[in-house]
Amino acid sequence: MDTPVIDFHAHVSRLHSMDEVLAKYLSIMDAAGVDRACVNCINADARSGNELAARFVAKRPDRFIGVAFVTPRYPHEALREMDHAFDDLGMKSLKVYPDIGLPMDDPAYYPIFEWANERGIAVMSHTEYYSETSTLSAPRRFIGLAKRFPRVSWVLGHSGNSPQGQAQAMEAARSGPNVYLETCSSYGDHGTIERLVEGAGEDRVLYGSDMLLMDARFQVGRIVTADIALPAKRKVLGLNAIEVLGLDG
């Protein structure tokens, strides 16, 4: 399929050799037809993680896009770090992750989201919902966030993961024009991609792999073989991401 393919959800880690990870990434991306991957580092403090991601991107800026990470546990540091990550390191979007005991719509996040809203950038968060015993990143929490911070493009990583979570994610996407669903999931049940596209709209679904945790080849295959129209596949695989990130198509 002759179309740009942008992986919206991938990771680098301080636990692995950068050169070894780079070689593995490029091999898998070439095999899967992925042109560029958005990479973040969440298993370190924000400053060292962002510096690591920036060094990784610098090795092949034609293939990788930097994604910043901050935590609301250190609100003043978070704002300074976002200035550094976007203004000095050239990051294109922001990744947040549900801190233990801190739901995604907790006011502690608001200074971060206000900063993102002023800049009009994309913010991706891990989302999942299995039951009412664990709702820190339940997709329904983003309905209010999307209204409160309308200039943020909210990207729901994993689209809630479980079928119940996916239903919430689609509800969130239908609630406003600035909510996007991302496709990588360990729940690869038949028809997931079709449901997400039908439930959110073909303009609001983004391909992601979660490399190195999951394999991009499998995640691309779910979209390429989905029973959706070819123009929709092109949008999901890369055209939507190009628009959300403001990339040169």
Protein backbone atom coordinates (compact mmCIF):
# COMPACT_ATOMS: atom_id res chain seq x y z
CA MET A 1 0.00 0.00 0.00
CA ASP A 2 1.56 3.25 -1.13
CA THR A 3 0.80 5.60 1.75
CA PRO A 4 2.70 7.29 4.59
CA VAL A 5 2.78 5.17 7.76
CA ILE A 6 3.38 6.97 11.08
CA ASP A 7 3.64 4.99 14.32
CA PHE A 8 2.13 7.29 16.95
CA HIS A 9 3.06 5.15 19.98
CA ALA A 10 6.56 3.78 20.53
CA HIS A 11 9.14 3.80 23.32
CA VAL A 12 12.84 3.99 23.97
CA SER A 13 14.36 2.93 27.27
CA ARG A 14 17.47 3.55 29.33
CA LEU A 15 17.49 -0.18 30.03
CA HIS A 16 18.67 -1.11 26.53
CA SER A 17 21.60 -0.26 24.30
CA MET A 18 20.56 2.65 22.08
CA ASP A 19 22.38 1.31 19.03
CA GLU A 20 20.90 -2.15 19.51
CA VAL A 21 17.38 -0.73 19.85
CA LEU A 22 17.90 1.52 16.84
CA ALA A 23 18.91 -1.41 14.65
CA LYS A 24 15.94 -3.47 15.84
CA TYR A 25 13.52 -0.60 15.27
CA LEU A 26 14.72 0.07 11.75
CA SER A 27 14.59 -3.61 10.84
CA ILE A 28 11.01 -4.00 12.06
CA MET A 29 9.87 -0.67 10.65
CA ASP A 30 11.29 -1.51 7.23
CA ALA A 31 9.60 -4.92 7.29
CA ALA A 32 6.27 -3.39 8.33
CA GLY A 33 6.45 -0.42 5.95
CA VAL A 34 6.54 2.16 8.77
CA ASP A 35 8.08 5.45 7.67
CA ARG A 36 8.44 7.21 11.02
CA ALA A 37 7.83 6.37 14.69
CA CYS A 38 7.03 8.74 17.56
CA VAL A 39 9.22 7.74 20.54
CA ASN A 40 9.06 8.64 24.21
CA CYS A 41 10.81 7.48 27.37
CA ILE A 42 8.67 7.03 30.49
CA ASN A 43 10.91 4.79 32.62
CA ALA A 44 13.18 7.60 33.82
CA ASP A 45 12.79 11.04 35.35
CA ALA A 46 11.41 13.52 32.83
CA ARG A 47 14.65 15.38 32.10
CA SER A 48 16.85 12.33 31.53
CA GLY A 49 14.09 10.49 29.68
CA ASN A 50 13.48 13.36 27.30
CA GLU A 51 17.20 13.82 26.71
CA LEU A 52 17.45 10.10 25.91
CA ALA A 53 14.55 10.27 23.46
CA ALA A 54 16.10 13.33 21.79
CA ARG A 55 19.46 11.56 21.38
CA PHE A 56 17.69 8.58 19.86
CA VAL A 57 15.79 10.77 17.39
CA ALA A 58 19.01 12.61 16.48
CA LYS A 59 20.51 9.37 15.22
CA ARG A 60 17.81 9.09 12.52
CA PRO A 61 15.63 12.20 12.43
CA ASP A 62 14.25 11.03 9.10
CA ARG A 63 12.69 8.00 10.82
CA PHE A 64 11.87 9.11 14.38
CA ILE A 65 9.83 11.88 16.02
CA GLY A 66 10.45 13.00 19.60
CA VAL A 67 7.69 12.87 22.19
CA ALA A 68 8.11 14.58 25.56
CA PHE A 69 7.15 13.08 28.94
CA VAL A 70 6.42 14.83 32.24
CA THR A 71 4.71 13.95 35.52
CA PRO A 72 2.40 16.12 37.65
CA ARG A 73 4.17 14.87 40.76
CA TYR A 74 6.62 17.73 40.19
CA PRO A 75 4.43 20.50 38.71
CA HIS A 76 6.98 23.32 38.61
CA GLU A 77 9.65 21.08 37.14
CA ALA A 78 7.10 19.77 34.62
CA LEU A 79 6.44 23.19 33.15
CA ARG A 80 10.14 24.02 32.86
CA GLU A 81 10.78 20.62 31.34
CA MET A 82 8.09 21.10 28.70
CA ASP A 83 9.68 24.41 27.72
CA HIS A 84 12.99 22.58 27.37
CA ALA A 85 11.57 19.55 25.56
CA PHE A 86 9.63 21.51 22.95
CA ASP A 87 11.76 24.64 22.55
CA ASP A 88 15.24 23.11 22.88
CA LEU A 89 14.81 19.44 21.99
CA GLY A 90 12.18 19.89 19.27
CA MET A 91 9.59 17.45 20.61
CA LYS A 92 6.34 17.29 18.63
CA SER A 93 3.84 15.96 21.18
CA LEU A 94 3.48 15.06 24.86
CA LYS A 95 3.02 11.71 26.61
CA VAL A 96 1.52 11.45 30.08
CA TYR A 97 0.99 8.31 32.10
CA PRO A 98 -1.47 7.73 34.95
CA ASP A 99 0.53 8.08 38.16
CA ILE A 100 -0.30 5.60 40.88
CA GLY A 101 -3.34 6.91 42.71
CA LEU A 102 -3.73 9.95 40.47
CA PRO A 103 -6.55 9.85 37.88
CA MET A 104 -5.99 11.52 34.53
CA ASP A 105 -8.48 14.31 35.21
CA ASP A 106 -7.03 15.19 38.62
CA PRO A 107 -6.42 18.96 38.94
CA ALA A 108 -2.72 18.23 39.54
CA TYR A 109 -2.47 17.70 35.78
CA TYR A 110 -4.14 21.01 34.90
CA PRO A 111 -0.99 23.19 34.71
CA ILE A 112 0.48 20.68 32.25
CA PHE A 113 -2.69 20.57 30.20
CA GLU A 114 -3.04 24.36 30.26
CA TRP A 115 0.48 24.64 28.84
CA ALA A 116 -0.41 22.13 26.13
CA ASN A 117 -3.66 23.92 25.39
CA GLU A 118 -1.85 27.25 24.90
CA ARG A 119 0.45 25.60 22.38
CA GLY A 120 -2.28 23.54 20.71
CA ILE A 121 -0.32 20.30 20.85
CA ALA A 122 -1.24 16.62 20.96
CA VAL A 123 -1.26 14.86 24.34
CA MET A 124 -1.30 11.07 24.43
CA SER A 125 -2.12 9.14 27.56
CA HIS A 126 -2.26 5.47 28.36
CA THR A 127 -5.92 4.53 28.75
CA GLU A 128 -7.55 1.38 30.01
CA TYR A 129 -10.74 0.23 31.62
CA TYR A 130 -11.48 -3.25 32.90
CA SER A 131 -13.74 -2.64 35.89
CA GLU A 132 -14.67 0.04 38.42
CA THR A 133 -11.82 -1.13 40.65
CA SER A 134 -9.27 0.52 38.34
CA THR A 135 -10.34 3.69 36.56
CA LEU A 136 -7.31 6.02 36.75
CA SER A 137 -7.12 6.24 32.96
CA ALA A 138 -10.65 5.24 32.00
CA PRO A 139 -11.43 6.82 28.60
CA ARG A 140 -14.56 8.52 29.93
CA ARG A 141 -12.32 10.82 32.00
CA PHE A 142 -11.18 12.49 28.78
CA ILE A 143 -14.65 13.73 27.85
CA GLY A 144 -14.40 16.53 30.39
CA LEU A 145 -10.72 17.15 29.66
CA ALA A 146 -11.40 17.58 25.95
CA LYS A 147 -14.02 20.22 26.71
CA ARG A 148 -11.88 22.01 29.30
CA PHE A 149 -8.80 22.05 27.04
CA PRO A 150 -10.24 22.29 23.52
CA ARG A 151 -6.98 23.15 21.70
CA VAL A 152 -5.33 19.92 22.84
CA SER A 153 -5.57 16.93 20.51
CA TRP A 154 -6.25 14.17 23.04
CA VAL A 155 -4.92 10.79 21.92
CA LEU A 156 -6.24 7.82 23.90
CA GLY A 157 -3.41 5.28 23.89
CA HIS A 158 -4.72 1.71 23.46
CA SER A 159 -8.27 3.09 23.08
CA GLY A 160 -9.17 1.77 26.51
CA ASN A 161 -7.63 -1.66 25.78
CA SER A 162 -10.53 -3.96 26.72
CA PRO A 163 -13.82 -4.12 24.80
CA GLN A 164 -15.46 -2.18 27.65
CA GLY A 165 -12.67 0.37 27.49
CA GLN A 166 -13.01 0.64 23.72
CA ALA A 167 -16.70 1.44 24.14
CA GLN A 168 -15.79 4.30 26.49
CA ALA A 169 -13.08 5.48 24.09
CA MET A 170 -15.54 5.66 21.20
CA GLU A 171 -17.97 7.57 23.41
CA ALA A 172 -15.19 10.03 24.24
CA ALA A 173 -14.34 10.49 20.57
CA ARG A 174 -17.97 11.18 19.72
CA SER A 175 -18.21 13.77 22.52
CA GLY A 176 -15.96 16.29 20.78
CA PRO A 177 -13.77 16.90 17.73
CA ASN A 178 -10.40 16.84 19.55
CA VAL A 179 -10.36 13.23 20.83
CA TYR A 180 -8.44 10.59 18.88
CA LEU A 181 -8.14 6.84 19.35
CA GLU A 182 -4.86 4.95 19.00
CA THR A 183 -4.90 1.36 17.83
CA CYS A 184 -2.21 -0.66 19.64
CA SER A 185 -3.61 -3.16 22.08
CA SER A 186 -2.99 -6.60 23.47
CA TYR A 187 -6.71 -7.18 22.84
CA GLY A 188 -6.57 -8.07 19.16
CA ASP A 189 -10.05 -9.53 18.92
CA HIS A 190 -11.57 -9.72 15.47
CA GLY A 191 -13.22 -6.53 14.28
CA THR A 192 -11.54 -4.11 16.72
CA ILE A 193 -10.20 -1.76 14.05
CA GLU A 194 -13.52 -1.77 12.22
CA ARG A 195 -15.36 -0.89 15.45
CA LEU A 196 -12.98 1.94 16.32
CA VAL A 197 -13.25 3.48 12.86
CA GLU A 198 -17.01 3.15 12.79
CA GLY A 199 -17.39 4.41 16.35
CA ALA A 200 -14.99 7.38 16.19
CA GLY A 201 -14.79 8.15 12.48
CA GLU A 202 -11.94 7.46 10.07
CA ASP A 203 -10.42 10.90 10.71
CA ARG A 204 -10.02 10.17 14.42
CA VAL A 205 -8.06 6.91 14.59
CA LEU A 206 -4.26 6.72 14.68
CA TYR A 207 -1.98 3.74 14.13
CA GLY A 208 0.37 2.88 16.99
CA SER A 209 2.48 -0.16 17.83
CA ASP A 210 3.73 0.24 21.44
CA MET A 211 7.16 -0.95 20.32
CA LEU A 212 9.28 -2.33 21.83
CA LEU A 213 6.57 -3.91 23.97
CA MET A 214 4.63 -5.10 20.93
CA ASP A 215 5.56 -5.78 17.32
CA ALA A 216 4.77 -3.16 14.69
CA ARG A 217 4.28 -5.83 12.02
CA PHE A 218 1.32 -7.32 13.84
CA GLN A 219 -0.16 -3.91 14.65
CA VAL A 220 0.13 -2.72 11.01
CA GLY A 221 -1.39 -5.99 9.82
CA ARG A 222 -4.51 -5.43 11.90
CA ILE A 223 -5.17 -2.22 9.96
CA VAL A 224 -4.13 -3.36 6.50
CA THR A 225 -6.39 -6.43 6.73
CA ALA A 226 -9.30 -4.63 8.39
CA ASP A 227 -12.62 -4.53 6.58
CA ILE A 228 -12.60 -0.77 6.06
CA ALA A 229 -12.29 1.32 2.91
CA LEU A 230 -8.84 1.99 1.46
CA PRO A 231 -9.04 5.76 2.09
CA ALA A 232 -9.80 5.02 5.76
CA LYS A 233 -6.76 2.74 5.99
CA ARG A 234 -4.56 5.50 4.59
CA LYS A 235 -5.86 7.94 7.18
CA VAL A 236 -5.40 5.55 10.10
CA LEU A 237 -1.93 4.43 9.02
CA GLY A 238 -0.46 7.89 8.68
CA LEU A 239 -2.45 10.73 7.17
CA ASN A 240 -4.27 11.49 10.42
CA ALA A 241 -1.00 11.54 12.37
CA ILE A 242 0.56 13.92 9.85
CA GLU A 243 -2.32 16.34 10.46
CA VAL A 244 -2.34 15.97 14.26
CA LEU A 245 1.42 16.50 14.53
CA GLY A 246 1.61 19.20 11.87
CA LEU A 247 4.17 17.27 9.87
CA ASP A 248 5.24 18.00 6.32
CA GLY A 249 3.23 15.44 4.38
